[in-house]
Each structure stands twice: as C-alpha cells, then as structure tokens.
C-alpha atoms as a PDB file:
ATOM      1  CA  MET A   1      84.015 131.417  80.674  1.00  0.00           C
ATOM      2  CA  PHE A   2      86.476 131.179  83.519  1.00  0.00           C
ATOM      3  CA  LYS A   3      89.321 128.722  83.855  1.00  0.00           C
ATOM      4  CA  ILE A   4      89.391 126.791  87.151  1.00  0.00           C
ATOM      5  CA  GLU A   5      92.496 126.030  89.198  1.00  0.00           C
ATOM      6  CA  LEU A   6      92.340 123.891  92.322  1.00  0.00           C
ATOM      7  CA  LYS A   7      94.936 124.218  95.051  1.00  0.00           C
ATOM      8  CA  SER A   8      96.630 120.970  96.002  1.00  0.00           C
ATOM      9  CA  GLU A   9      95.008 121.188  99.461  1.00  0.00           C
ATOM     10  CA  VAL A  10      91.578 121.153  97.834  1.00  0.00           C
ATOM     11  CA  ILE A  11      92.411 118.058  95.806  1.00  0.00           C
ATOM     12  CA  ASP A  12      93.721 116.399  98.984  1.00  0.00           C
ATOM     13  CA  LYS A  13      90.507 117.286 100.851  1.00  0.00           C
ATOM     14  CA  ILE A  14      88.368 115.805  98.073  1.00  0.00           C
ATOM     15  CA  ASP A  15      90.466 112.624  97.995  1.00  0.00           C
ATOM     16  CA  ASN A  16      90.356 112.303 101.796  1.00  0.00           C
ATOM     17  CA  PHE A  17      86.603 112.845 101.819  1.00  0.00           C
ATOM     18  CA  ILE A  18      86.036 110.171  99.166  1.00  0.00           C
ATOM     19  CA  ASP A  19      88.306 107.765 101.079  1.00  0.00           C
ATOM     20  CA  TRP A  20      86.312 108.417 104.254  1.00  0.00           C
ATOM     21  CA  TYR A  21      83.031 108.035 102.336  1.00  0.00           C
ATOM     22  CA  LEU A  22      84.099 104.684 100.866  1.00  0.00           C
ATOM     23  CA  ASN A  23      85.633 103.316 104.078  1.00  0.00           C
ATOM     24  CA  SER A  24      82.554 104.207 106.112  1.00  0.00           C
ATOM     25  CA  PHE A  25      80.543 101.826 103.920  1.00  0.00           C
ATOM     26  CA  LEU A  26      83.205  99.142 103.601  1.00  0.00           C
ATOM     27  CA  SER A  27      83.638  98.967 107.375  1.00  0.00           C
ATOM     28  CA  LEU A  28      80.019  97.809 107.641  1.00  0.00           C
ATOM     29  CA  PHE A  29      80.894  94.565 105.887  1.00  0.00           C
ATOM     30  CA  ILE A  30      84.039  93.548 107.734  1.00  0.00           C
ATOM     31  CA  ASP A  31      83.476  90.021 109.095  1.00  0.00           C
ATOM     32  CA  SER A  32      79.886  90.058 107.873  1.00  0.00           C
ATOM     33  CA  TRP A  33      80.016  86.466 106.655  1.00  0.00           C
ATOM     34  CA  ILE A  34      78.232  87.455 103.479  1.00  0.00           C
ATOM     35  CA  LYS A  35      79.300  85.028 100.779  1.00  0.00           C
ATOM     36  CA  ASP A  36      79.622  87.536  97.929  1.00  0.00           C
ATOM     37  CA  VAL A  37      80.745  90.537  99.965  1.00  0.00           C
ATOM     38  CA  TYR A  38      83.236  91.454  97.238  1.00  0.00           C
ATOM     39  CA  LEU A  39      80.293  92.323  94.941  1.00  0.00           C
ATOM     40  CA  ILE A  40      78.968  94.755  97.526  1.00  0.00           C
ATOM     41  CA  GLU A  41      82.438  96.227  98.039  1.00  0.00           C
ATOM     42  CA  GLU A  42      82.935  96.690  94.283  1.00  0.00           C
ATOM     43  CA  ASN A  43      79.567  98.421  94.062  1.00  0.00           C
ATOM     44  CA  TYR A  44      80.533 100.873  96.821  1.00  0.00           C
ATOM     45  CA  LYS A  45      83.884 101.517  95.107  1.00  0.00           C
ATOM     46  CA  ASN A  46      82.033 102.352  91.894  1.00  0.00           C
ATOM     47  CA  ILE A  47      79.664 104.650  93.774  1.00  0.00           C
ATOM     48  CA  ALA A  48      82.594 106.445  95.442  1.00  0.00           C
ATOM     49  CA  THR A  49      84.273 106.916  92.055  1.00  0.00           C
ATOM     50  CA  LYS A  50      81.060 108.352  90.586  1.00  0.00           C
ATOM     51  CA  PHE A  51      80.701 110.652  93.594  1.00  0.00           C
ATOM     52  CA  ARG A  52      84.266 111.942  93.168  1.00  0.00           C
ATOM     53  CA  ASP A  53      83.643 112.532  89.458  1.00  0.00           C
ATOM     54  CA  GLN A  54      80.407 114.353  90.286  1.00  0.00           C
ATOM     55  CA  ILE A  55      82.236 116.633  92.738  1.00  0.00           C
ATOM     56  CA  TYR A  56      84.809 117.615  90.124  1.00  0.00           C
ATOM     57  CA  SER A  57      82.235 118.098  87.357  1.00  0.00           C
ATOM     58  CA  SER A  58      79.971 120.178  89.621  1.00  0.00           C
ATOM     59  CA  LEU A  59      82.900 122.366  90.628  1.00  0.00           C
ATOM     60  CA  GLN A  60      83.799 122.819  86.977  1.00  0.00           C
ATOM     61  CA  GLU A  61      80.230 123.532  85.826  1.00  0.00           C
ATOM     62  CA  THR A  62      79.507 125.986  88.625  1.00  0.00           C
ATOM     63  CA  CYS A  63      82.795 127.862  88.690  1.00  0.00           C
ATOM     64  CA  GLU A  64      83.401 128.230  84.973  1.00  0.00           C
ATOM     65  CA  LYS A  65      80.224 130.262  84.476  1.00  0.00           C
ATOM     66  CA  GLU A  66      80.636 133.932  83.753  1.00  0.00           C
ATOM     67  CA  ILE A  67      78.212 134.907  86.526  1.00  0.00           C
ATOM     68  CA  ILE A  68      77.771 132.872  89.699  1.00  0.00           C
ATOM     69  CA  PHE A  69      74.551 133.546  91.556  1.00  0.00           C
ATOM     70  CA  TRP A  70      74.239 133.241  95.323  1.00  0.00           C
ATOM     71  CA  LYS A  71      77.898 133.819  96.043  1.00  0.00           C
ATOM     72  CA  LYS A  72      79.048 135.403  99.258  1.00  0.00           C
ATOM     73  CA  VAL A  73      81.603 138.176  98.990  1.00  0.00           C
ATOM     74  CA  TRP A  74      83.935 138.267 102.001  1.00  0.00           C
ATOM     75  CA  ASP A  75      86.126 141.016 100.651  1.00  0.00           C
ATOM     76  CA  LYS A  76      87.047 142.336  97.232  1.00  0.00           C
ATOM     77  CA  ASN A  77      88.748 139.153  96.146  1.00  0.00           C
ATOM     78  CA  GLN A  78      87.548 136.413  98.523  1.00  0.00           C
ATOM     79  CA  LEU A  79      84.285 134.697  97.550  1.00  0.00           C
ATOM     80  CA  SER A  80      82.390 131.565  98.549  1.00  0.00           C
ATOM     81  CA  ILE A  81      79.538 129.469  97.183  1.00  0.00           C
ATOM     82  CA  ILE A  82      77.544 126.437  98.261  1.00  0.00           C
ATOM     83  CA  ILE A  83      77.133 123.505  95.881  1.00  0.00           C
ATOM     84  CA  SER A  84      74.711 120.643  96.571  1.00  0.00           C
ATOM     85  CA  ILE A  85      75.779 117.186  95.463  1.00  0.00           C
ATOM     86  CA  TRP A  86      73.801 114.096  96.393  1.00  0.00           C
ATOM     87  CA  ASN A  87      73.099 114.460 100.107  1.00  0.00           C
ATOM     88  CA  TYR A  88      76.067 116.757 100.815  1.00  0.00           C
ATOM     89  CA  LYS A  89      76.658 120.477 100.654  1.00  0.00           C
ATOM     90  CA  LEU A  90      80.056 121.698  99.541  1.00  0.00           C
ATOM     91  CA  PHE A  91      81.227 125.052 100.857  1.00  0.00           C
ATOM     92  CA  VAL A  92      83.733 126.354  98.339  1.00  0.00           C
ATOM     93  CA  ASP A  93      86.023 129.353  98.890  1.00  0.00           C
ATOM     94  CA  TYR A  94      87.674 130.891  95.879  1.00  0.00           C
ATOM     95  CA  LYS A  95      89.373 133.950  94.471  1.00  0.00           C
ATOM     96  CA  GLU A  96      89.010 135.219  90.968  1.00  0.00           C
ATOM     97  CA  ASP A  97      91.092 137.177  88.547  1.00  0.00           C
ATOM     98  CA  GLU A  98      88.641 138.878  86.224  1.00  0.00           C
ATOM     99  CA  ILE A  99      91.356 140.072  83.857  1.00  0.00           C
ATOM    100  CA  LEU A 100      92.863 136.623  83.267  1.00  0.00           C
ATOM    101  CA  LYS A 101      89.466 134.903  83.703  1.00  0.00           C
ATOM    102  CA  ILE A 102      90.732 132.411  86.305  1.00  0.00           C
ATOM    103  CA  ARG A 103      89.067 131.252  89.503  1.00  0.00           C
ATOM    104  CA  PHE A 104      91.329 129.772  92.152  1.00  0.00           C
ATOM    105  CA  ILE A 105      89.542 127.243  94.370  1.00  0.00           C
ATOM    106  CA  GLU A 106      91.277 127.628  97.731  1.00  0.00           C
ATOM    107  CA  ASN A 107      89.200 125.633 100.177  1.00  0.00           C
ATOM    108  CA  ILE A 108      86.372 123.127 100.242  1.00  0.00           C
ATOM    109  CA  GLU A 109      84.350 121.770 103.155  1.00  0.00           C
ATOM    110  CA  PHE A 110      81.827 118.921 103.112  1.00  0.00           C
ATOM    111  CA  TYR A 111      78.650 118.864 105.190  1.00  0.00           C
ATOM    112  CA  LYS A 112      75.835 116.363 105.183  1.00  0.00           C
ATOM    113  CA  LYS A 113      72.409 117.852 104.450  1.00  0.00           C
END
C-alpha cells in the first residue's frame, strides 16, 4: 500500500471546486420567495460536504493501491489517472516514490461528464 500526500494547491483546488459547486446551486434560490428556502440550502450544503468527502475517499482508495490500472505515464516519474465521481471526471497528476511507497498528488482538474 502506498501513502498519499496532497500538495496544498490540490487541497485548494478541491475546496474551490466544492465552493463553486455549492454556490452554483445556492444562487438559484436567491430571492426565490420560497418560504422554507433554508431547508433547500441546508440540503445542498450537505450534498456538497458529501461530494467533498467522496473526492477525498476516492483519491485515497485509488492512489493507495499497489497497482493502478489505466494510468498514463508522461515520463519516468510523472503519472496521471482519471477518476469518475458522480457526474464529474477528475484528472489527477501524481509522482510516486516506489522505495518509500509514497504518491504525491500534484494536480487535479475537474470536468463534467
């Protein structure tokens, strides 16, 4: 099993994506005159939290495996994989140290399917 380390830029990208994801739904209900709009907003906040947790758990599950299938090798040490979560594809770039058994997640991009 490999240990996973995320660069701070990757964590920032995930947080920014989840903020965008949540705000895109919340903006639909601004001045909607729906009486219990706070219930809808709380539901979307819960969904965004679950989505963020799913991103982190999928990264962990996929990248900690000894062998990752369907990876693209850019050079000796630069690799990338695609992870599907909900209706998004995550393009993940990483490096690995096979001696120390560590994978360094260096970049992540989000694309809608």
